[in-house]
């Protein structure tokens, strides 16, 4: 069974399944994260949805690059969680199946290409208190304590 974080699904509301991949990116005592501006205005693990026909690893590389401008290497899956949410940019409710990886940031190729995203290096303690969703925070806390 995959653990659920966040809001309880609303009775009678349809949630479309949306698989996504997200990365914990440690380097030199900090974590590479993304600040997503409007409509979210929140700190997030870099990542996003897996497009139809796309492999999860390909999606991970693409999403991290789009949201941070960095290339990554050696991704390793840590686990998954799910959450029920409204996605304002898509105007739909989704059951997000969030697969969490750890990877090594290799090289900054430029600024994020995804609109309203800013790449930030964040101290672990700050990140734990500032991440937008409890699932991301739980996986980051586990990573920090176990590795």
N, C-alpha and C. Protein backbone atom coordinates (compact mmCIF):
# COMPACT_ATOMS: atom_id res chain seq x y z
N UNK A 1 0.84 -1.18 0.00
CA UNK A 1 0.00 0.00 0.00
C UNK A 1 0.89 1.25 0.00
N UNK A 2 0.53 2.22 -0.81
CA UNK A 2 1.29 3.46 -0.92
C UNK A 2 0.68 4.49 0.02
N UNK A 3 1.52 5.09 0.85
CA UNK A 3 1.05 6.06 1.83
C UNK A 3 0.50 7.31 1.16
N UNK A 4 -0.55 7.87 1.76
CA UNK A 4 -1.14 9.11 1.28
C UNK A 4 -0.75 10.24 2.22
N UNK A 5 -0.40 11.39 1.62
CA UNK A 5 -0.13 12.60 2.36
C UNK A 5 -1.09 13.68 1.89
N UNK A 6 -1.37 14.63 2.77
CA UNK A 6 -2.18 15.78 2.37
C UNK A 6 -3.66 15.58 2.59
N UNK A 7 -4.42 16.32 1.81
CA UNK A 7 -5.87 16.37 1.98
C UNK A 7 -6.54 15.04 1.67
N UNK A 8 -7.63 14.79 2.40
CA UNK A 8 -8.47 13.63 2.14
C UNK A 8 -9.28 13.90 0.88
N UNK A 9 -9.42 12.90 0.00
CA UNK A 9 -10.21 13.13 -1.21
C UNK A 9 -11.65 13.53 -0.86
N UNK A 10 -12.20 14.44 -1.65
CA UNK A 10 -13.57 14.89 -1.45
C UNK A 10 -14.54 13.85 -2.00
N UNK A 11 -15.55 13.51 -1.21
CA UNK A 11 -16.57 12.57 -1.68
C UNK A 11 -17.25 13.10 -2.93
N UNK A 12 -17.42 12.25 -3.92
CA UNK A 12 -18.10 12.62 -5.15
C UNK A 12 -17.23 13.34 -6.17
N UNK A 13 -16.01 13.69 -5.81
CA UNK A 13 -15.11 14.39 -6.73
C UNK A 13 -14.28 13.36 -7.50
N UNK A 14 -14.25 13.47 -8.83
CA UNK A 14 -13.41 12.58 -9.64
C UNK A 14 -11.97 13.11 -9.65
N UNK A 15 -11.03 12.22 -9.37
CA UNK A 15 -9.60 12.55 -9.42
C UNK A 15 -8.95 11.68 -10.49
N UNK A 16 -8.42 12.31 -11.53
CA UNK A 16 -7.71 11.56 -12.56
C UNK A 16 -6.32 11.22 -12.08
N UNK A 17 -5.88 10.00 -12.37
CA UNK A 17 -4.55 9.58 -11.95
C UNK A 17 -3.48 10.33 -12.73
N UNK A 18 -2.49 10.85 -12.03
CA UNK A 18 -1.38 11.59 -12.66
C UNK A 18 -0.09 11.09 -12.03
N UNK A 19 0.67 10.27 -12.77
CA UNK A 19 1.96 9.78 -12.29
C UNK A 19 2.99 10.89 -12.45
N UNK A 20 3.84 11.04 -11.45
CA UNK A 20 4.89 12.05 -11.51
C UNK A 20 6.18 11.52 -10.91
N UNK A 21 7.26 12.20 -11.24
CA UNK A 21 8.59 11.86 -10.74
C UNK A 21 9.22 13.12 -10.16
N UNK A 22 9.89 12.96 -9.02
CA UNK A 22 10.45 14.10 -8.29
C UNK A 22 11.81 13.69 -7.74
N UNK A 23 12.72 14.68 -7.63
CA UNK A 23 14.10 14.36 -7.27
C UNK A 23 14.58 15.11 -6.04
N UNK A 24 15.23 14.36 -5.16
CA UNK A 24 16.04 14.92 -4.08
C UNK A 24 17.45 15.05 -4.67
N UNK A 25 17.99 16.27 -4.67
CA UNK A 25 19.24 16.57 -5.37
C UNK A 25 20.26 17.17 -4.41
N UNK A 26 21.03 16.33 -3.68
CA UNK A 26 22.01 16.85 -2.72
C UNK A 26 23.34 17.21 -3.38
N UNK A 27 23.95 18.28 -2.86
CA UNK A 27 25.29 18.66 -3.31
C UNK A 27 25.88 19.66 -2.31
N UNK A 28 27.06 19.33 -1.82
CA UNK A 28 27.81 20.23 -0.93
C UNK A 28 26.98 20.71 0.26
N UNK A 29 26.22 19.81 0.87
CA UNK A 29 25.48 20.13 2.07
C UNK A 29 24.17 20.86 1.86
N UNK A 30 23.75 21.04 0.63
CA UNK A 30 22.48 21.71 0.33
C UNK A 30 21.70 20.86 -0.69
N UNK A 31 20.48 21.27 -0.95
CA UNK A 31 19.62 20.55 -1.90
C UNK A 31 19.16 21.51 -2.98
N UNK A 32 19.24 21.06 -4.24
CA UNK A 32 18.74 21.83 -5.36
C UNK A 32 17.23 21.64 -5.42
N UNK A 33 16.51 22.75 -5.36
CA UNK A 33 15.05 22.72 -5.37
C UNK A 33 14.54 23.76 -6.34
N UNK A 34 13.24 23.79 -6.51
CA UNK A 34 12.63 24.77 -7.38
C UNK A 34 11.57 25.55 -6.63
N UNK A 35 11.57 26.87 -6.86
CA UNK A 35 10.50 27.72 -6.37
C UNK A 35 9.55 27.89 -7.54
N UNK A 36 8.31 27.45 -7.37
CA UNK A 36 7.32 27.62 -8.42
C UNK A 36 6.45 28.81 -8.04
N UNK A 37 6.46 29.80 -8.91
CA UNK A 37 5.65 31.00 -8.68
C UNK A 37 4.19 30.74 -8.95
N UNK A 38 3.48 31.79 -9.28
CA UNK A 38 2.05 31.76 -9.49
C UNK A 38 1.64 30.64 -10.45
N UNK A 39 0.63 29.87 -10.17
CA UNK A 39 -0.36 30.08 -9.12
C UNK A 39 -0.03 29.39 -7.80
N UNK A 40 1.15 28.78 -7.67
CA UNK A 40 1.47 28.00 -6.48
C UNK A 40 2.22 28.78 -5.41
N UNK A 41 3.27 29.50 -5.80
CA UNK A 41 4.12 30.22 -4.85
C UNK A 41 4.59 29.30 -3.73
N UNK A 42 5.40 28.29 -4.12
CA UNK A 42 5.86 27.32 -3.13
C UNK A 42 7.18 26.68 -3.53
N UNK A 43 7.89 26.19 -2.50
CA UNK A 43 9.13 25.45 -2.70
C UNK A 43 8.79 23.99 -2.94
N UNK A 44 9.43 23.40 -3.96
CA UNK A 44 9.12 22.02 -4.35
C UNK A 44 10.39 21.25 -4.67
N UNK A 45 10.29 19.92 -4.57
CA UNK A 45 11.30 19.08 -5.18
C UNK A 45 11.12 19.22 -6.69
N UNK A 46 12.19 19.34 -7.46
CA UNK A 46 12.04 19.42 -8.91
C UNK A 46 11.43 18.13 -9.46
N UNK A 47 10.54 18.29 -10.40
CA UNK A 47 9.91 17.14 -11.03
C UNK A 47 8.54 17.49 -11.55
N UNK A 48 7.85 16.47 -12.03
CA UNK A 48 6.52 16.68 -12.57
C UNK A 48 5.98 15.44 -13.23
N UNK A 49 4.98 15.64 -14.05
CA UNK A 49 4.25 14.54 -14.64
C UNK A 49 5.02 13.76 -15.70
N UNK A 50 4.70 12.47 -15.76
CA UNK A 50 5.23 11.59 -16.79
C UNK A 50 4.28 11.66 -17.97
N UNK A 51 4.79 12.09 -19.11
CA UNK A 51 3.95 12.22 -20.31
C UNK A 51 3.63 10.85 -20.90
N UNK A 52 2.50 10.74 -21.64
CA UNK A 52 2.15 9.46 -22.28
C UNK A 52 3.30 8.97 -23.17
N UNK A 53 3.65 7.70 -23.02
CA UNK A 53 4.72 7.09 -23.80
C UNK A 53 6.12 7.38 -23.30
N UNK A 54 6.25 8.16 -22.25
CA UNK A 54 7.56 8.54 -21.70
C UNK A 54 7.90 7.63 -20.52
N UNK A 55 9.16 7.22 -20.42
CA UNK A 55 9.57 6.41 -19.28
C UNK A 55 9.74 7.33 -18.06
N UNK A 56 9.57 6.78 -16.85
CA UNK A 56 9.76 7.60 -15.66
C UNK A 56 11.15 8.24 -15.58
N UNK A 57 12.21 7.51 -15.94
CA UNK A 57 13.55 8.09 -15.86
C UNK A 57 13.74 9.21 -16.88
N UNK A 58 13.20 9.05 -18.07
CA UNK A 58 13.28 10.12 -19.07
C UNK A 58 12.53 11.36 -18.57
N UNK A 59 11.36 11.13 -17.98
CA UNK A 59 10.58 12.24 -17.43
C UNK A 59 11.34 12.94 -16.30
N UNK A 60 12.03 12.18 -15.47
CA UNK A 60 12.79 12.76 -14.37
C UNK A 60 13.88 13.69 -14.90
N UNK A 61 14.66 13.21 -15.85
CA UNK A 61 15.71 14.04 -16.45
C UNK A 61 15.12 15.30 -17.08
N UNK A 62 14.05 15.14 -17.83
CA UNK A 62 13.41 16.28 -18.50
C UNK A 62 12.87 17.29 -17.50
N UNK A 63 12.13 16.81 -16.51
CA UNK A 63 11.50 17.71 -15.55
C UNK A 63 12.54 18.47 -14.71
N UNK A 64 13.57 17.76 -14.24
CA UNK A 64 14.61 18.44 -13.46
C UNK A 64 15.28 19.51 -14.31
N UNK A 65 15.59 19.19 -15.55
CA UNK A 65 16.23 20.16 -16.43
C UNK A 65 15.32 21.36 -16.68
N UNK A 66 14.04 21.11 -16.96
CA UNK A 66 13.10 22.21 -17.21
C UNK A 66 12.93 23.13 -16.01
N UNK A 67 12.92 22.54 -14.81
CA UNK A 67 12.62 23.33 -13.62
C UNK A 67 13.84 23.91 -12.93
N UNK A 68 15.04 23.41 -13.26
CA UNK A 68 16.25 23.92 -12.59
C UNK A 68 17.34 24.37 -13.55
N UNK A 69 17.34 23.84 -14.78
CA UNK A 69 18.43 24.11 -15.71
C UNK A 69 19.63 23.22 -15.50
N UNK A 70 19.52 22.23 -14.62
CA UNK A 70 20.62 21.31 -14.30
C UNK A 70 20.41 19.95 -14.95
N UNK A 71 21.52 19.31 -15.32
CA UNK A 71 21.50 17.91 -15.72
C UNK A 71 21.78 17.07 -14.46
N UNK A 72 21.32 15.82 -14.48
CA UNK A 72 21.51 14.93 -13.33
C UNK A 72 22.10 13.61 -13.78
N UNK A 73 22.63 12.87 -12.81
CA UNK A 73 23.20 11.54 -13.07
C UNK A 73 22.82 10.59 -11.95
N UNK A 74 22.89 9.32 -12.25
CA UNK A 74 22.70 8.23 -11.30
C UNK A 74 21.42 8.32 -10.46
N UNK A 75 20.26 8.50 -11.10
CA UNK A 75 19.02 8.52 -10.31
C UNK A 75 18.72 7.15 -9.72
N UNK A 76 18.22 7.17 -8.50
CA UNK A 76 17.85 5.93 -7.79
C UNK A 76 16.51 6.15 -7.11
N UNK A 77 15.56 5.27 -7.38
CA UNK A 77 14.21 5.42 -6.81
C UNK A 77 14.23 5.10 -5.32
N UNK A 78 13.60 5.99 -4.54
CA UNK A 78 13.50 5.81 -3.09
C UNK A 78 12.15 5.25 -2.67
N UNK A 79 11.11 5.55 -3.43
CA UNK A 79 9.77 5.10 -3.06
C UNK A 79 8.72 5.99 -3.70
N UNK A 80 7.49 5.90 -3.18
CA UNK A 80 6.39 6.66 -3.76
C UNK A 80 5.38 7.02 -2.68
N UNK A 81 4.61 8.06 -2.94
CA UNK A 81 3.46 8.40 -2.12
C UNK A 81 2.39 8.94 -3.05
N UNK A 82 1.20 9.12 -2.51
CA UNK A 82 0.14 9.70 -3.32
C UNK A 82 -0.51 10.84 -2.55
N UNK A 83 -1.07 11.76 -3.32
CA UNK A 83 -1.82 12.86 -2.72
C UNK A 83 -2.91 13.29 -3.67
N UNK A 84 -3.98 13.80 -3.10
CA UNK A 84 -5.14 14.26 -3.86
C UNK A 84 -5.13 15.78 -3.84
N UNK A 85 -5.21 16.39 -5.01
CA UNK A 85 -5.07 17.84 -5.09
C UNK A 85 -5.78 18.40 -6.32
N UNK A 86 -5.98 19.70 -6.27
CA UNK A 86 -6.46 20.42 -7.44
C UNK A 86 -5.26 21.01 -8.15
N UNK A 87 -5.17 20.84 -9.46
CA UNK A 87 -4.07 21.36 -10.25
C UNK A 87 -4.59 22.56 -11.05
N UNK A 88 -4.38 23.79 -10.54
CA UNK A 88 -4.97 24.96 -11.20
C UNK A 88 -4.46 25.19 -12.62
N UNK A 89 -3.20 24.83 -12.89
CA UNK A 89 -2.67 25.05 -14.23
C UNK A 89 -3.34 24.16 -15.28
N UNK A 90 -3.93 23.03 -14.81
CA UNK A 90 -4.64 22.12 -15.71
C UNK A 90 -6.16 22.16 -15.49
N UNK A 91 -6.58 22.92 -14.49
CA UNK A 91 -8.01 23.04 -14.14
C UNK A 91 -8.65 21.68 -13.93
N UNK A 92 -7.97 20.84 -13.12
CA UNK A 92 -8.51 19.51 -12.84
C UNK A 92 -8.04 19.00 -11.48
N UNK A 93 -8.80 18.06 -10.96
CA UNK A 93 -8.43 17.38 -9.73
C UNK A 93 -7.63 16.14 -10.10
N UNK A 94 -6.60 15.84 -9.29
CA UNK A 94 -5.75 14.71 -9.62
C UNK A 94 -5.38 13.91 -8.38
N UNK A 95 -5.30 12.60 -8.57
CA UNK A 95 -4.64 11.73 -7.61
C UNK A 95 -3.21 11.62 -8.13
N UNK A 96 -2.29 12.30 -7.46
CA UNK A 96 -0.91 12.31 -7.91
C UNK A 96 -0.17 11.14 -7.28
N UNK A 97 0.37 10.28 -8.12
CA UNK A 97 1.21 9.18 -7.68
C UNK A 97 2.65 9.66 -7.85
N UNK A 98 3.28 10.05 -6.76
CA UNK A 98 4.57 10.74 -6.77
C UNK A 98 5.71 9.75 -6.49
N UNK A 99 6.53 9.47 -7.50
CA UNK A 99 7.69 8.60 -7.37
C UNK A 99 8.89 9.49 -7.03
N UNK A 100 9.57 9.17 -5.93
CA UNK A 100 10.68 10.00 -5.45
C UNK A 100 12.00 9.30 -5.73
N UNK A 101 12.93 10.07 -6.30
CA UNK A 101 14.27 9.60 -6.62
C UNK A 101 15.29 10.47 -5.90
N UNK A 102 16.49 9.94 -5.76
CA UNK A 102 17.65 10.76 -5.40
C UNK A 102 18.58 10.71 -6.61
N UNK A 103 19.20 11.83 -6.93
CA UNK A 103 20.12 11.89 -8.07
C UNK A 103 21.19 12.92 -7.77
N UNK A 104 22.22 12.91 -8.59
CA UNK A 104 23.34 13.84 -8.41
C UNK A 104 23.24 14.97 -9.44
N UNK A 105 23.15 16.22 -8.97
CA UNK A 105 23.20 17.33 -9.92
C UNK A 105 24.60 17.38 -10.53
N UNK A 106 24.69 17.43 -11.85
CA UNK A 106 25.98 17.35 -12.54
C UNK A 106 26.45 18.71 -13.04
N UNK A 107 25.58 19.38 -13.80
CA UNK A 107 26.01 20.60 -14.47
C UNK A 107 24.83 21.53 -14.69
N UNK A 108 25.06 22.81 -14.42
CA UNK A 108 24.05 23.81 -14.73
C UNK A 108 24.23 24.23 -16.19
N UNK A 109 23.20 24.01 -16.99
CA UNK A 109 23.28 24.33 -18.42
C UNK A 109 22.66 25.69 -18.72
N UNK A 110 21.96 26.26 -17.75
CA UNK A 110 21.30 27.54 -17.96
C UNK A 110 20.17 27.71 -16.97
N UNK A 111 19.39 28.74 -17.13
CA UNK A 111 18.25 28.95 -16.22
C UNK A 111 17.13 27.96 -16.52
N UNK A 112 16.20 27.81 -15.60
CA UNK A 112 15.05 26.94 -15.86
C UNK A 112 14.29 27.41 -17.10
N UNK A 113 13.83 26.46 -17.91
CA UNK A 113 13.03 26.80 -19.08
C UNK A 113 11.54 26.78 -18.78
N UNK A 114 11.17 26.19 -17.67
CA UNK A 114 9.76 26.13 -17.26
C UNK A 114 9.36 27.50 -16.71
N UNK A 115 8.28 28.09 -17.24
CA UNK A 115 7.85 29.39 -16.73
C UNK A 115 7.56 29.38 -15.23
N UNK A 116 7.86 30.48 -14.58
CA UNK A 116 7.58 30.68 -13.14
C UNK A 116 8.36 29.74 -12.23
N UNK A 117 9.52 29.23 -12.67
CA UNK A 117 10.36 28.38 -11.82
C UNK A 117 11.71 29.05 -11.62
N UNK A 118 12.22 28.93 -10.40
CA UNK A 118 13.54 29.44 -10.04
C UNK A 118 14.29 28.33 -9.31
N UNK A 119 15.50 28.03 -9.74
CA UNK A 119 16.32 27.01 -9.07
C UNK A 119 16.98 27.64 -7.86
N UNK A 120 16.93 26.93 -6.73
CA UNK A 120 17.51 27.41 -5.48
C UNK A 120 18.30 26.30 -4.80
N UNK A 121 19.42 26.66 -4.18
CA UNK A 121 20.13 25.74 -3.30
C UNK A 121 19.65 26.05 -1.89
N UNK A 122 19.14 25.02 -1.20
CA UNK A 122 18.48 25.22 0.07
C UNK A 122 19.12 24.35 1.14
N UNK A 123 19.37 24.95 2.30
CA UNK A 123 19.88 24.25 3.47
C UNK A 123 18.88 23.16 3.90
N UNK A 124 19.36 22.00 4.35
CA UNK A 124 18.43 20.92 4.70
C UNK A 124 17.35 21.30 5.71
N UNK A 125 17.73 22.01 6.77
CA UNK A 125 16.73 22.37 7.79
C UNK A 125 15.70 23.35 7.24
N UNK A 126 16.14 24.28 6.43
CA UNK A 126 15.21 25.23 5.80
C UNK A 126 14.28 24.48 4.86
N UNK A 127 14.83 23.57 4.08
CA UNK A 127 14.03 22.81 3.12
C UNK A 127 12.94 22.00 3.83
N UNK A 128 13.28 21.36 4.92
CA UNK A 128 12.30 20.55 5.64
C UNK A 128 11.11 21.38 6.10
N UNK A 129 11.36 22.61 6.51
CA UNK A 129 10.28 23.46 6.98
C UNK A 129 9.55 24.21 5.89
N UNK A 130 10.13 24.26 4.70
CA UNK A 130 9.56 25.10 3.64
C UNK A 130 8.94 24.35 2.48
N UNK A 131 9.20 23.05 2.36
CA UNK A 131 8.61 22.30 1.23
C UNK A 131 7.09 22.36 1.28
N UNK A 132 6.49 22.45 0.13
CA UNK A 132 5.05 22.71 0.03
C UNK A 132 4.17 21.53 0.42
N UNK A 133 4.66 20.31 0.27
CA UNK A 133 3.78 19.20 0.63
C UNK A 133 4.47 18.22 1.57
N UNK A 134 3.64 17.60 2.39
CA UNK A 134 4.13 16.72 3.45
C UNK A 134 4.85 15.49 2.92
N UNK A 135 4.45 14.99 1.76
CA UNK A 135 5.12 13.82 1.18
C UNK A 135 6.55 14.13 0.82
N UNK A 136 6.78 15.27 0.15
CA UNK A 136 8.15 15.68 -0.17
C UNK A 136 8.98 15.81 1.10
N UNK A 137 8.41 16.46 2.12
CA UNK A 137 9.12 16.66 3.39
C UNK A 137 9.46 15.34 4.05
N UNK A 138 8.53 14.39 4.02
CA UNK A 138 8.78 13.09 4.65
C UNK A 138 9.91 12.34 3.96
N UNK A 139 9.93 12.35 2.63
CA UNK A 139 11.00 11.67 1.91
C UNK A 139 12.34 12.37 2.11
N UNK A 140 12.34 13.70 2.14
CA UNK A 140 13.59 14.42 2.38
C UNK A 140 14.10 14.14 3.79
N UNK A 141 13.22 14.14 4.79
CA UNK A 141 13.63 13.85 6.17
C UNK A 141 14.23 12.46 6.28
N UNK A 142 13.58 11.48 5.63
CA UNK A 142 14.10 10.12 5.66
C UNK A 142 15.46 10.05 4.97
N UNK A 143 15.61 10.73 3.84
CA UNK A 143 16.90 10.74 3.14
C UNK A 143 17.97 11.34 4.03
N UNK A 144 17.69 12.46 4.67
CA UNK A 144 18.67 13.13 5.52
C UNK A 144 19.11 12.24 6.69
N UNK A 145 18.19 11.53 7.30
CA UNK A 145 18.52 10.71 8.47
C UNK A 145 19.18 9.38 8.10
N UNK A 146 18.88 8.85 6.92
CA UNK A 146 19.41 7.53 6.55
C UNK A 146 20.65 7.58 5.69
N UNK A 147 20.94 8.71 5.08
CA UNK A 147 22.10 8.77 4.18
C UNK A 147 22.98 9.87 4.65
